[in-house]
């Protein structure tokens, strides 16, 4: 009897802990059946304390309520995410500024540097998709956007593809700071993924909408 009692108790525990959230929230009838089986197979000379049954019922009820609450919160998050995505649909066709690779197709790429204010020299290091340095240019010590024409020193255009831009701040011959620069890229699609709004940029680059620091209409530039 004690073995049967122990087995039934372990089964109930496994059902409570290992079951998925959806099973826990929708299978209360199964729980009651197993609890009944536990009562029927207990040792009549050493019955389970009624308080233990109350604890099991209270625990199951608490877990079930928590699952329902989580489902509600998830539904609210999805609703808010969809609402945000609908609002950001107007971003399609606009140019978003973010720290991300930029797709070069022959047209200039707008880079938004943020050099150290005490720098006496600022360099813009351009790297291709393979991470190779393809060009280093000296730019003004300013946060004003600069245009990368995408041509070498002899005027030969660089091949189309993704490029990243690093801003290197130098003072007295020493590098004070180097960080990837923000670039402007056209938003081609808005997606909702995992409760987050994702922007798909030119060249298949994906960035979180939260990482965008500016938005502009290319018709004015």
N, C-alpha and C. Protein backbone atom coordinates (compact mmCIF):
# COMPACT_ATOMS: atom_id res chain seq x y z
N UNK A 1 0.82 -1.20 0.00
CA UNK A 1 0.00 0.00 0.00
C UNK A 1 0.86 1.26 0.00
N UNK A 2 1.93 1.21 0.82
CA UNK A 2 2.80 2.37 0.90
C UNK A 2 3.46 2.64 -0.43
N UNK A 3 3.82 1.56 -1.19
CA UNK A 3 4.45 1.73 -2.50
C UNK A 3 3.46 2.39 -3.46
N UNK A 4 2.22 1.90 -3.44
CA UNK A 4 1.20 2.49 -4.32
C UNK A 4 0.96 3.93 -3.96
N UNK A 5 0.93 4.21 -2.65
CA UNK A 5 0.72 5.57 -2.17
C UNK A 5 1.85 6.47 -2.64
N UNK A 6 3.10 5.99 -2.51
CA UNK A 6 4.26 6.78 -2.93
C UNK A 6 4.25 7.02 -4.42
N UNK A 7 3.89 5.96 -5.20
CA UNK A 7 3.85 6.09 -6.66
C UNK A 7 2.83 7.12 -7.10
N UNK A 8 1.65 7.05 -6.49
CA UNK A 8 0.60 8.01 -6.84
C UNK A 8 1.03 9.42 -6.50
N UNK A 9 1.69 9.59 -5.35
CA UNK A 9 2.14 10.91 -4.92
C UNK A 9 3.19 11.46 -5.87
N UNK A 10 4.14 10.60 -6.32
CA UNK A 10 5.17 11.05 -7.23
C UNK A 10 4.57 11.41 -8.59
N UNK A 11 3.54 10.65 -8.99
CA UNK A 11 2.90 10.94 -10.27
C UNK A 11 2.25 12.31 -10.26
N UNK A 12 1.56 12.62 -9.14
CA UNK A 12 0.93 13.92 -8.99
C UNK A 12 1.98 15.02 -9.02
N UNK A 13 3.10 14.80 -8.34
CA UNK A 13 4.17 15.80 -8.30
C UNK A 13 4.75 16.03 -9.68
N UNK A 14 4.96 14.91 -10.43
CA UNK A 14 5.50 15.03 -11.78
C UNK A 14 4.54 15.79 -12.68
N UNK A 15 3.22 15.48 -12.49
CA UNK A 15 2.22 16.17 -13.28
C UNK A 15 2.25 17.66 -13.01
N UNK A 16 2.49 18.03 -11.77
CA UNK A 16 2.47 19.44 -11.37
C UNK A 16 3.71 20.19 -11.83
N UNK A 17 4.88 19.52 -11.78
CA UNK A 17 6.12 20.21 -12.06
C UNK A 17 6.56 20.11 -13.50
N UNK A 18 6.39 18.92 -14.12
CA UNK A 18 6.92 18.70 -15.46
C UNK A 18 5.93 19.01 -16.57
N UNK A 19 4.64 19.10 -16.23
CA UNK A 19 3.65 19.38 -17.26
C UNK A 19 3.85 20.77 -17.83
N UNK A 20 3.46 20.96 -19.06
CA UNK A 20 3.58 22.27 -19.69
C UNK A 20 2.54 23.20 -19.11
N UNK A 21 2.73 24.49 -19.37
CA UNK A 21 1.82 25.50 -18.82
C UNK A 21 0.40 25.29 -19.33
N UNK A 22 0.27 24.94 -20.60
CA UNK A 22 -1.07 24.78 -21.15
C UNK A 22 -1.77 23.57 -20.54
N UNK A 23 -1.02 22.51 -20.26
CA UNK A 23 -1.61 21.31 -19.65
C UNK A 23 -2.07 21.62 -18.24
N UNK A 24 -1.23 22.34 -17.48
CA UNK A 24 -1.57 22.66 -16.10
C UNK A 24 -2.85 23.48 -16.03
N UNK A 25 -2.99 24.42 -16.97
CA UNK A 25 -4.13 25.32 -16.92
C UNK A 25 -5.42 24.68 -17.41
N UNK A 26 -5.32 23.60 -18.19
CA UNK A 26 -6.53 23.03 -18.80
C UNK A 26 -6.84 21.62 -18.33
N UNK A 27 -6.02 21.04 -17.47
CA UNK A 27 -6.19 19.63 -17.11
C UNK A 27 -6.50 19.46 -15.63
N UNK A 28 -7.32 20.33 -15.09
CA UNK A 28 -7.66 20.24 -13.68
C UNK A 28 -8.41 18.95 -13.38
N UNK A 29 -9.23 18.49 -14.34
CA UNK A 29 -9.99 17.25 -14.14
C UNK A 29 -9.05 16.07 -13.96
N UNK A 30 -7.99 16.02 -14.77
CA UNK A 30 -7.01 14.94 -14.64
C UNK A 30 -6.35 14.97 -13.27
N UNK A 31 -6.05 16.17 -12.81
CA UNK A 31 -5.44 16.33 -11.49
C UNK A 31 -6.35 15.75 -10.41
N UNK A 32 -7.65 16.04 -10.49
CA UNK A 32 -8.60 15.52 -9.50
C UNK A 32 -8.67 14.00 -9.55
N UNK A 33 -8.63 13.43 -10.77
CA UNK A 33 -8.67 11.97 -10.89
C UNK A 33 -7.44 11.34 -10.23
N UNK A 34 -6.28 11.95 -10.45
CA UNK A 34 -5.06 11.40 -9.87
C UNK A 34 -5.05 11.58 -8.36
N UNK A 35 -5.62 12.69 -7.89
CA UNK A 35 -5.71 12.90 -6.45
C UNK A 35 -6.63 11.86 -5.82
N UNK A 36 -7.71 11.54 -6.54
CA UNK A 36 -8.63 10.50 -6.06
C UNK A 36 -7.94 9.15 -6.01
N UNK A 37 -7.14 8.85 -7.06
CA UNK A 37 -6.40 7.59 -7.08
C UNK A 37 -5.42 7.52 -5.92
N UNK A 38 -4.83 8.66 -5.61
CA UNK A 38 -3.89 8.70 -4.47
C UNK A 38 -4.61 8.39 -3.16
N UNK A 39 -5.83 8.93 -3.02
CA UNK A 39 -6.61 8.68 -1.80
C UNK A 39 -7.02 7.21 -1.71
N UNK A 40 -7.40 6.61 -2.86
CA UNK A 40 -7.86 5.23 -2.86
C UNK A 40 -6.74 4.25 -2.55
N UNK A 41 -5.51 4.61 -2.91
CA UNK A 41 -4.38 3.70 -2.75
C UNK A 41 -3.53 4.01 -1.51
N UNK A 42 -3.97 4.90 -0.69
CA UNK A 42 -3.19 5.20 0.50
C UNK A 42 -3.36 4.10 1.56
N UNK A 43 -2.44 4.02 2.45
CA UNK A 43 -2.47 3.04 3.54
C UNK A 43 -3.56 3.45 4.54
N UNK A 44 -4.60 2.64 4.70
CA UNK A 44 -5.68 3.02 5.63
C UNK A 44 -5.22 3.14 7.08
N UNK A 45 -4.10 2.45 7.40
CA UNK A 45 -3.56 2.55 8.75
C UNK A 45 -2.68 3.78 8.93
N UNK A 46 -2.32 4.37 7.80
CA UNK A 46 -1.47 5.58 7.86
C UNK A 46 -1.91 6.54 6.76
N UNK A 47 -3.15 7.01 6.90
CA UNK A 47 -3.70 7.86 5.83
C UNK A 47 -2.98 9.20 5.74
N UNK A 48 -3.08 9.76 4.55
CA UNK A 48 -2.47 11.07 4.32
C UNK A 48 -3.26 12.14 5.07
N UNK A 49 -2.56 13.05 5.66
CA UNK A 49 -3.20 14.13 6.42
C UNK A 49 -4.05 14.98 5.47
N UNK A 50 -5.24 15.33 5.92
CA UNK A 50 -6.13 16.15 5.09
C UNK A 50 -5.50 17.49 4.73
N UNK A 51 -4.62 17.96 5.62
CA UNK A 51 -3.95 19.24 5.34
C UNK A 51 -3.07 19.13 4.10
N UNK A 52 -2.50 17.92 3.87
CA UNK A 52 -1.66 17.73 2.69
C UNK A 52 -2.49 17.83 1.41
N UNK A 53 -3.73 17.29 1.47
CA UNK A 53 -4.60 17.42 0.30
C UNK A 53 -4.90 18.89 0.03
N UNK A 54 -5.17 19.62 1.09
CA UNK A 54 -5.48 21.04 0.94
C UNK A 54 -4.30 21.79 0.32
N UNK A 55 -3.09 21.41 0.75
CA UNK A 55 -1.89 22.05 0.20
C UNK A 55 -1.76 21.76 -1.29
N UNK A 56 -2.01 20.50 -1.68
CA UNK A 56 -1.92 20.13 -3.10
C UNK A 56 -2.94 20.91 -3.93
N UNK A 57 -4.18 20.98 -3.43
CA UNK A 57 -5.22 21.72 -4.14
C UNK A 57 -4.87 23.20 -4.26
N UNK A 58 -4.38 23.76 -3.15
CA UNK A 58 -4.02 25.18 -3.15
C UNK A 58 -2.86 25.45 -4.09
N UNK A 59 -1.89 24.53 -4.09
CA UNK A 59 -0.72 24.70 -4.97
C UNK A 59 -1.14 24.64 -6.43
N UNK A 60 -1.98 23.64 -6.76
CA UNK A 60 -2.43 23.52 -8.14
C UNK A 60 -3.21 24.76 -8.56
N UNK A 61 -4.08 25.22 -7.69
CA UNK A 61 -4.89 26.40 -7.99
C UNK A 61 -4.00 27.62 -8.20
N UNK A 62 -2.96 27.75 -7.34
CA UNK A 62 -2.05 28.89 -7.46
C UNK A 62 -1.29 28.87 -8.77
N UNK A 63 -0.78 27.66 -9.12
CA UNK A 63 -0.04 27.53 -10.38
C UNK A 63 -0.95 27.81 -11.57
N UNK A 64 -2.18 27.28 -11.51
CA UNK A 64 -3.12 27.50 -12.60
C UNK A 64 -3.41 28.99 -12.77
N UNK A 65 -3.60 29.69 -11.65
CA UNK A 65 -3.88 31.12 -11.70
C UNK A 65 -2.69 31.88 -12.27
N UNK A 66 -1.47 31.45 -11.90
CA UNK A 66 -0.27 32.10 -12.41
C UNK A 66 -0.14 31.92 -13.91
N UNK A 67 -0.48 30.70 -14.37
CA UNK A 67 -0.42 30.43 -15.81
C UNK A 67 -1.41 31.32 -16.56
N UNK A 68 -2.62 31.43 -16.01
CA UNK A 68 -3.63 32.29 -16.63
C UNK A 68 -3.16 33.74 -16.68
N UNK A 69 -2.52 34.18 -15.59
CA UNK A 69 -2.00 35.54 -15.55
C UNK A 69 -0.91 35.74 -16.60
N UNK A 70 -0.01 34.75 -16.71
CA UNK A 70 1.05 34.84 -17.70
C UNK A 70 0.49 34.87 -19.12
N UNK A 71 -0.55 34.06 -19.36
CA UNK A 71 -1.18 34.05 -20.67
C UNK A 71 -1.78 35.42 -20.98
N UNK A 72 -2.40 36.02 -19.97
CA UNK A 72 -3.00 37.33 -20.16
C UNK A 72 -1.93 38.38 -20.46
N UNK A 73 -0.83 38.34 -19.71
CA UNK A 73 0.25 39.29 -19.94
C UNK A 73 0.86 39.11 -21.32
N UNK A 74 1.01 37.85 -21.73
CA UNK A 74 1.57 37.58 -23.05
C UNK A 74 0.65 38.11 -24.14
N UNK A 75 -0.65 37.91 -23.96
CA UNK A 75 -1.60 38.41 -24.94
C UNK A 75 -1.56 39.93 -25.02
N UNK A 76 -1.42 40.58 -23.85
CA UNK A 76 -1.33 42.03 -23.83
C UNK A 76 -0.07 42.51 -24.53
N UNK A 77 1.05 41.79 -24.29
CA UNK A 77 2.31 42.16 -24.92
C UNK A 77 2.23 42.04 -26.43
N UNK A 78 1.60 40.94 -26.88
CA UNK A 78 1.44 40.75 -28.32
C UNK A 78 0.56 41.83 -28.93
N UNK A 79 -0.49 42.20 -28.18
CA UNK A 79 -1.39 43.24 -28.67
C UNK A 79 -0.66 44.57 -28.77
N UNK A 80 0.12 44.89 -27.74
CA UNK A 80 0.87 46.14 -27.76
C UNK A 80 1.92 46.11 -28.86
N UNK A 81 2.55 44.92 -29.05
CA UNK A 81 3.55 44.80 -30.10
C UNK A 81 2.94 44.99 -31.47
N UNK A 82 1.76 44.42 -31.69
CA UNK A 82 1.08 44.58 -32.97
C UNK A 82 0.68 46.02 -33.19
N UNK A 83 0.23 46.67 -32.10
CA UNK A 83 -0.15 48.08 -32.20
C UNK A 83 1.05 48.92 -32.58
N UNK A 84 2.20 48.64 -31.92
CA UNK A 84 3.41 49.39 -32.23
C UNK A 84 3.87 49.14 -33.64
N UNK A 85 3.74 47.90 -34.11
CA UNK A 85 4.14 47.59 -35.47
C UNK A 85 3.27 48.32 -36.48
N UNK A 86 1.96 48.40 -36.18
CA UNK A 86 1.05 49.10 -37.08
C UNK A 86 1.44 50.58 -37.19
N UNK A 87 1.80 51.16 -36.06
CA UNK A 87 2.22 52.56 -36.07
C UNK A 87 3.52 52.73 -36.84
N UNK A 88 4.43 51.76 -36.70
CA UNK A 88 5.73 51.88 -37.36
C UNK A 88 5.70 51.48 -38.83
N UNK A 89 4.55 50.99 -39.29
CA UNK A 89 4.43 50.68 -40.72
C UNK A 89 4.67 51.92 -41.56
N UNK A 90 4.42 53.09 -40.97
CA UNK A 90 4.66 54.35 -41.69
C UNK A 90 6.15 54.61 -41.88
N UNK A 91 6.99 53.83 -41.17
CA UNK A 91 8.44 53.99 -41.31
C UNK A 91 8.96 53.40 -42.62
N UNK A 92 8.19 52.50 -43.21
CA UNK A 92 8.64 51.87 -44.46
C UNK A 92 8.86 52.95 -45.52
N UNK A 93 10.03 52.91 -46.13
CA UNK A 93 10.39 53.92 -47.12
C UNK A 93 11.19 55.07 -46.55
N UNK A 94 11.16 55.19 -45.21
CA UNK A 94 11.95 56.24 -44.55
C UNK A 94 13.37 55.72 -44.31
N UNK A 95 14.27 56.64 -43.96
CA UNK A 95 15.64 56.26 -43.63
C UNK A 95 15.83 56.31 -42.12
N UNK A 96 16.18 55.16 -41.55
CA UNK A 96 16.39 55.05 -40.11
C UNK A 96 17.88 55.11 -39.81
N UNK A 97 18.23 55.77 -38.71
CA UNK A 97 19.63 55.87 -38.31
C UNK A 97 19.87 54.93 -37.13
N UNK A 98 20.83 54.04 -37.30
CA UNK A 98 21.14 53.07 -36.26
C UNK A 98 22.55 52.54 -36.46
N UNK A 99 23.09 51.93 -35.40
CA UNK A 99 24.40 51.28 -35.49
C UNK A 99 24.18 49.94 -36.19
N UNK A 100 24.55 49.89 -37.46
CA UNK A 100 24.31 48.69 -38.26
C UNK A 100 25.13 48.78 -39.54
N UNK A 101 25.35 47.66 -40.20
CA UNK A 101 26.00 47.71 -41.52
C UNK A 101 25.10 48.45 -42.50
N UNK A 102 25.71 49.10 -43.48
CA UNK A 102 24.96 49.81 -44.51
C UNK A 102 25.17 49.12 -45.85
N UNK A 103 24.10 49.06 -46.64
CA UNK A 103 24.21 48.44 -47.95
C UNK A 103 24.59 49.51 -48.97
N UNK A 104 25.72 49.28 -49.66
CA UNK A 104 26.19 50.20 -50.69
C UNK A 104 25.83 49.64 -52.05
N UNK A 105 25.09 50.43 -52.84
CA UNK A 105 24.68 50.00 -54.18
C UNK A 105 25.11 50.99 -55.24
N UNK A 106 26.11 51.81 -54.90
CA UNK A 106 26.57 52.83 -55.83
C UNK A 106 26.19 54.23 -55.39
N UNK A 107 25.15 54.32 -54.54
CA UNK A 107 24.74 55.62 -54.02
C UNK A 107 25.48 55.90 -52.72
N UNK A 108 25.77 57.18 -52.42
CA UNK A 108 26.49 57.52 -51.19
C UNK A 108 25.77 57.03 -49.94
N UNK A 109 26.53 56.68 -48.92
CA UNK A 109 26.00 56.24 -47.64
C UNK A 109 26.19 57.37 -46.63
N UNK A 110 25.12 57.73 -45.93
CA UNK A 110 25.21 58.78 -44.92
C UNK A 110 25.62 58.17 -43.59
N UNK A 111 26.74 58.66 -43.07
CA UNK A 111 27.28 58.17 -41.80
C UNK A 111 27.13 59.26 -40.76
N UNK A 112 26.69 58.89 -39.56
CA UNK A 112 26.51 59.85 -38.47
C UNK A 112 27.57 59.59 -37.40
N UNK A 113 28.71 60.27 -37.46
CA UNK A 113 29.77 60.03 -36.48
C UNK A 113 29.46 60.70 -35.15
N UNK A 114 30.10 60.24 -34.11
CA UNK A 114 29.98 60.86 -32.79
C UNK A 114 31.35 60.83 -32.12
N UNK A 115 32.29 61.62 -32.66
CA UNK A 115 33.67 61.57 -32.16
C UNK A 115 33.82 62.24 -30.79
N UNK A 116 34.94 61.96 -30.15
CA UNK A 116 35.24 62.62 -28.87
C UNK A 116 35.49 64.10 -29.13
N UNK A 117 34.91 64.95 -28.30
CA UNK A 117 35.01 66.40 -28.53
C UNK A 117 36.43 66.92 -28.36
N UNK A 118 37.28 66.21 -27.62
CA UNK A 118 38.65 66.68 -27.40
C UNK A 118 39.62 66.12 -28.43
N UNK A 119 39.11 65.39 -29.41
CA UNK A 119 39.98 64.83 -30.44
C UNK A 119 40.49 65.92 -31.35
N UNK A 120 41.73 65.77 -31.84
CA UNK A 120 42.25 66.72 -32.83
C UNK A 120 42.22 66.13 -34.24
N UNK A 121 42.00 64.82 -34.29
CA UNK A 121 41.87 64.14 -35.59
C UNK A 121 40.82 63.04 -35.47
N UNK A 122 39.99 62.92 -36.50
CA UNK A 122 38.97 61.86 -36.52
C UNK A 122 39.09 61.11 -37.83
N UNK A 123 39.14 59.79 -37.72
CA UNK A 123 39.24 58.95 -38.91
C UNK A 123 37.98 58.10 -39.05
N UNK A 124 37.59 57.90 -40.29
CA UNK A 124 36.47 57.01 -40.59
C UNK A 124 37.05 55.77 -41.27
N UNK A 125 36.96 54.64 -40.57
CA UNK A 125 37.49 53.39 -41.08
C UNK A 125 36.34 52.58 -41.69
N UNK A 126 36.50 52.24 -42.96
CA UNK A 126 35.45 51.51 -43.68
C UNK A 126 35.87 50.05 -43.83
N UNK A 127 34.96 49.15 -43.50
CA UNK A 127 35.23 47.71 -43.61
C UNK A 127 34.16 47.04 -44.46
N UNK A 128 34.57 46.04 -45.21
CA UNK A 128 33.61 45.30 -46.03
C UNK A 128 32.94 44.21 -45.21
N UNK A 129 32.11 43.40 -45.87
CA UNK A 129 31.35 42.37 -45.16
C UNK A 129 32.25 41.31 -44.54
N UNK A 130 33.46 41.17 -45.06
CA UNK A 130 34.40 40.19 -44.52
C UNK A 130 35.18 40.75 -43.34
N UNK A 131 34.93 42.02 -43.00
CA UNK A 131 35.63 42.63 -41.87
C UNK A 131 36.98 43.21 -42.24
N UNK A 132 37.26 43.32 -43.52
CA UNK A 132 38.56 43.85 -43.98
C UNK A 132 38.50 45.36 -44.13
N UNK A 133 39.54 46.05 -43.70
CA UNK A 133 39.62 47.49 -43.89
C UNK A 133 39.82 47.78 -45.37
N UNK A 134 38.92 48.60 -45.94
CA UNK A 134 39.03 48.92 -47.36
C UNK A 134 39.35 50.39 -47.59
N UNK A 135 39.15 51.21 -46.55
CA UNK A 135 39.43 52.64 -46.71
C UNK A 135 39.46 53.32 -45.35
N UNK A 136 40.36 54.30 -45.23
CA UNK A 136 40.42 55.14 -44.03
C UNK A 136 40.44 56.59 -44.48
N UNK A 137 39.47 57.35 -44.00
CA UNK A 137 39.33 58.76 -44.39
C UNK A 137 39.39 59.65 -43.15
N UNK A 138 39.93 60.85 -43.33
CA UNK A 138 39.92 61.84 -42.27
C UNK A 138 38.66 62.69 -42.42
N UNK A 139 37.89 62.80 -41.33
CA UNK A 139 36.65 63.57 -41.37
C UNK A 139 36.70 64.66 -40.30
N UNK A 140 35.82 65.64 -40.38
CA UNK A 140 35.83 66.73 -39.40
C UNK A 140 35.54 66.25 -37.97
N UNK A 141 36.06 66.99 -37.00
CA UNK A 141 35.76 66.70 -35.59
C UNK A 141 34.37 67.28 -35.30
N UNK A 142 33.37 66.54 -35.70
CA UNK A 142 32.00 67.03 -35.62
C UNK A 142 31.04 65.85 -35.64
N UNK A 143 29.85 66.08 -35.08
CA UNK A 143 28.82 65.06 -35.10
C UNK A 143 27.90 65.21 -36.31
N UNK A 144 28.25 66.13 -37.20
CA UNK A 144 27.44 66.32 -38.40
C UNK A 144 27.62 65.12 -39.33
N UNK A 145 26.53 64.66 -39.97
CA UNK A 145 26.63 63.51 -40.88
C UNK A 145 27.60 63.78 -42.03
N UNK A 146 28.25 62.72 -42.47
CA UNK A 146 29.15 62.80 -43.62
C UNK A 146 28.70 61.78 -44.66
N UNK A 147 29.00 62.05 -45.91
CA UNK A 147 28.62 61.16 -47.00
C UNK A 147 29.84 60.34 -47.44
N UNK A 148 29.68 59.03 -47.42
CA UNK A 148 30.72 58.16 -47.95
C UNK A 148 30.36 57.85 -49.39
N UNK A 149 31.21 58.29 -50.31
CA UNK A 149 30.91 58.17 -51.73
C UNK A 149 31.06 56.74 -52.24
N UNK A 150 31.86 55.93 -51.54
CA UNK A 150 32.04 54.55 -51.98
C UNK A 150 32.98 54.39 -53.15
N UNK A 151 33.98 55.29 -53.22
CA UNK A 151 34.98 55.20 -54.28
C UNK A 151 36.37 55.23 -53.66
N UNK A 152 37.32 54.57 -54.28
CA UNK A 152 38.69 54.55 -53.80
C UNK A 152 39.39 55.86 -54.15
N UNK A 153 40.66 55.99 -53.76
CA UNK A 153 41.41 57.23 -54.01
C UNK A 153 41.59 57.52 -55.49
N UNK A 154 41.56 56.47 -56.32
CA UNK A 154 41.70 56.69 -57.76
C UNK A 154 40.35 56.80 -58.47
N UNK A 155 39.29 56.86 -57.69
CA UNK A 155 37.96 57.05 -58.26
C UNK A 155 37.24 55.78 -58.63
N UNK A 156 37.84 54.61 -58.33
CA UNK A 156 37.19 53.33 -58.65
C UNK A 156 36.11 53.02 -57.61
N UNK A 157 34.89 52.75 -58.05
CA UNK A 157 33.83 52.45 -57.08
C UNK A 157 34.07 51.12 -56.38
N UNK A 158 33.70 51.07 -55.12
CA UNK A 158 33.76 49.81 -54.39
C UNK A 158 32.60 48.92 -54.85
N UNK A 159 32.78 47.61 -54.74
CA UNK A 159 31.69 46.71 -55.17
C UNK A 159 30.47 46.84 -54.26
N UNK A 160 29.29 46.58 -54.79
CA UNK A 160 28.08 46.62 -53.95
C UNK A 160 28.17 45.60 -52.82
N UNK A 161 27.57 45.93 -51.72
CA UNK A 161 27.56 45.02 -50.57
C UNK A 161 27.41 45.77 -49.27
N UNK A 162 27.55 45.03 -48.17
CA UNK A 162 27.42 45.62 -46.84
C UNK A 162 28.77 46.14 -46.35
N UNK A 163 28.73 47.33 -45.75
CA UNK A 163 29.94 47.94 -45.20
C UNK A 163 29.63 48.48 -43.80
N UNK A 164 30.62 48.42 -42.95
CA UNK A 164 30.50 49.01 -41.61
C UNK A 164 31.49 50.15 -41.50
N UNK A 165 31.18 51.08 -40.59
CA UNK A 165 31.97 52.30 -40.46
C UNK A 165 32.36 52.52 -38.99
N UNK A 166 33.65 52.63 -38.76
CA UNK A 166 34.15 52.86 -37.40
C UNK A 166 34.73 54.26 -37.31
N UNK A 167 34.34 54.97 -36.27
CA UNK A 167 34.87 56.32 -36.04
C UNK A 167 35.98 56.23 -35.01
N UNK A 168 37.14 56.72 -35.39
CA UNK A 168 38.32 56.65 -34.52
C UNK A 168 38.73 58.07 -34.12
N UNK A 169 38.62 58.38 -32.83
CA UNK A 169 38.99 59.70 -32.31
C UNK A 169 40.43 59.67 -31.81
N UNK A 170 41.23 60.63 -32.28
CA UNK A 170 42.66 60.65 -31.97
C UNK A 170 43.04 62.02 -31.40
N UNK A 171 43.89 62.02 -30.39
CA UNK A 171 44.41 63.26 -29.80
C UNK A 171 45.87 63.04 -29.45
N UNK A 172 46.73 63.94 -29.94
CA UNK A 172 48.16 63.80 -29.66
C UNK A 172 48.75 62.51 -30.17
N UNK A 173 48.18 61.97 -31.24
CA UNK A 173 48.70 60.74 -31.81
C UNK A 173 48.18 59.47 -31.14
N UNK A 174 47.36 59.61 -30.10
CA UNK A 174 46.83 58.45 -29.39
C UNK A 174 45.33 58.31 -29.65
N UNK A 175 44.89 57.06 -29.79
CA UNK A 175 43.46 56.79 -30.02
C UNK A 175 42.72 56.91 -28.70
N UNK A 176 41.79 57.87 -28.66
CA UNK A 176 40.99 58.09 -27.45
C UNK A 176 39.76 57.18 -27.42
N UNK A 177 39.18 56.98 -28.58
CA UNK A 177 37.93 56.23 -28.65
C UNK A 177 37.72 55.72 -30.07
N UNK A 178 37.20 54.52 -30.18
CA UNK A 178 36.82 53.99 -31.50
C UNK A 178 35.55 53.17 -31.34
N UNK A 179 34.57 53.49 -32.16
CA UNK A 179 33.28 52.82 -32.06
C UNK A 179 32.59 52.82 -33.41
N UNK A 180 31.71 51.84 -33.59
CA UNK A 180 30.98 51.75 -34.86
C UNK A 180 30.00 52.90 -34.96
N UNK A 181 29.97 53.51 -36.12
CA UNK A 181 29.13 54.68 -36.33
C UNK A 181 27.72 54.29 -36.74
N UNK A 182 26.80 55.18 -36.48
CA UNK A 182 25.43 55.02 -36.96
C UNK A 182 25.39 55.38 -38.44
N UNK A 183 24.49 54.73 -39.17
CA UNK A 183 24.31 55.02 -40.59
C UNK A 183 22.81 55.13 -40.88
N UNK A 184 22.52 55.80 -41.97
CA UNK A 184 21.13 55.91 -42.43
C UNK A 184 20.88 54.83 -43.47
N UNK A 185 19.81 54.05 -43.28
CA UNK A 185 19.42 53.01 -44.23
C UNK A 185 17.92 53.04 -44.42
N UNK A 186 17.48 52.68 -45.61
CA UNK A 186 16.05 52.69 -45.91
C UNK A 186 15.34 51.51 -45.26
N UNK A 187 14.23 51.78 -44.60
CA UNK A 187 13.41 50.73 -43.98
C UNK A 187 12.57 50.08 -45.07
N UNK A 188 12.72 48.77 -45.23
CA UNK A 188 11.97 48.05 -46.26
C UNK A 188 10.80 47.24 -45.72
N UNK A 189 10.86 46.91 -44.42
CA UNK A 189 9.81 46.09 -43.84
C UNK A 189 9.81 46.24 -42.33
N UNK A 190 8.64 46.09 -41.73
CA UNK A 190 8.49 46.11 -40.27
C UNK A 190 7.92 44.76 -39.84
N UNK A 191 8.58 44.12 -38.88
CA UNK A 191 8.16 42.80 -38.42
C UNK A 191 7.94 42.80 -36.91
N UNK A 192 7.10 41.89 -36.45
CA UNK A 192 6.90 41.66 -35.02
C UNK A 192 7.49 40.29 -34.71
N UNK A 193 8.52 40.23 -33.92
CA UNK A 193 9.18 38.98 -33.58
C UNK A 193 9.42 38.92 -32.08
N UNK A 194 8.80 37.91 -31.43
CA UNK A 194 9.00 37.73 -30.00
C UNK A 194 8.58 38.93 -29.18
N UNK A 195 7.52 39.60 -29.60
CA UNK A 195 7.04 40.76 -28.86
C UNK A 195 7.85 42.02 -29.12
N UNK A 196 8.78 41.96 -30.07
CA UNK A 196 9.63 43.12 -30.38
C UNK A 196 9.41 43.53 -31.82
N UNK A 197 9.48 44.82 -32.09
CA UNK A 197 9.34 45.32 -33.45
C UNK A 197 10.71 45.38 -34.11
N UNK A 198 10.84 44.68 -35.23
CA UNK A 198 12.10 44.59 -35.95
C UNK A 198 11.97 45.30 -37.29
N UNK A 199 12.98 46.10 -37.63
CA UNK A 199 13.01 46.78 -38.91
C UNK A 199 13.98 46.05 -39.84
N UNK A 200 13.52 45.77 -41.04
CA UNK A 200 14.37 45.18 -42.05
C UNK A 200 14.86 46.29 -42.97
N UNK A 201 16.19 46.46 -43.01
CA UNK A 201 16.80 47.52 -43.79
C UNK A 201 17.36 46.98 -45.10
N UNK A 202 17.89 47.87 -45.90
CA UNK A 202 18.50 47.45 -47.17
C UNK A 202 19.60 46.42 -46.92
N UNK A 203 19.71 45.48 -47.83
CA UNK A 203 20.74 44.47 -47.71
C UNK A 203 20.41 43.36 -46.74
N UNK A 204 19.14 43.31 -46.26
CA UNK A 204 18.75 42.26 -45.34
C UNK A 204 19.20 42.48 -43.91
N UNK A 205 19.57 43.72 -43.58
CA UNK A 205 20.01 44.04 -42.22
C UNK A 205 18.78 44.20 -41.32
N UNK A 206 18.79 43.53 -40.17
CA UNK A 206 17.69 43.62 -39.21
C UNK A 206 18.14 44.34 -37.96
N UNK A 207 17.36 45.32 -37.52
CA UNK A 207 17.66 46.04 -36.28
C UNK A 207 16.38 46.20 -35.47
N UNK A 208 16.54 46.30 -34.17
CA UNK A 208 15.40 46.56 -33.31
C UNK A 208 14.96 48.01 -33.49
N UNK A 209 13.65 48.22 -33.46
CA UNK A 209 13.13 49.59 -33.58
C UNK A 209 13.63 50.45 -32.43
N UNK A 210 13.93 49.82 -31.29
CA UNK A 210 14.41 50.57 -30.13
C UNK A 210 15.82 51.12 -30.34
N UNK A 211 16.55 50.56 -31.30
CA UNK A 211 17.93 51.01 -31.53
C UNK A 211 18.01 52.18 -32.50
N UNK A 212 16.88 52.57 -33.07
CA UNK A 212 16.85 53.68 -34.03
C UNK A 212 16.89 55.00 -33.28
N UNK A 213 17.84 55.86 -33.64
CA UNK A 213 18.00 57.15 -32.96
C UNK A 213 17.45 58.31 -33.77
N UNK A 214 17.15 58.09 -35.04
CA UNK A 214 16.60 59.17 -35.87
C UNK A 214 15.91 58.56 -37.08
N UNK A 215 15.00 59.33 -37.64
CA UNK A 215 14.25 58.90 -38.82
C UNK A 215 14.09 60.11 -39.73
N UNK A 216 14.30 59.89 -41.02
CA UNK A 216 14.17 61.01 -41.94
C UNK A 216 13.54 60.56 -43.26
N UNK A 217 12.99 61.54 -43.97
CA UNK A 217 12.37 61.29 -45.26
C UNK A 217 13.42 61.52 -46.34
N UNK A 218 13.75 60.49 -47.11
CA UNK A 218 14.80 60.67 -48.13
C UNK A 218 14.44 61.70 -49.18
N UNK A 219 13.17 62.06 -49.30
CA UNK A 219 12.76 63.05 -50.31
C UNK A 219 13.34 64.43 -50.02
N UNK A 220 13.75 64.64 -48.76
CA UNK A 220 14.28 65.96 -48.38
C UNK A 220 15.82 65.97 -48.33
N UNK A 221 16.44 64.85 -48.73
CA UNK A 221 17.90 64.78 -48.67
C UNK A 221 18.45 64.29 -50.00
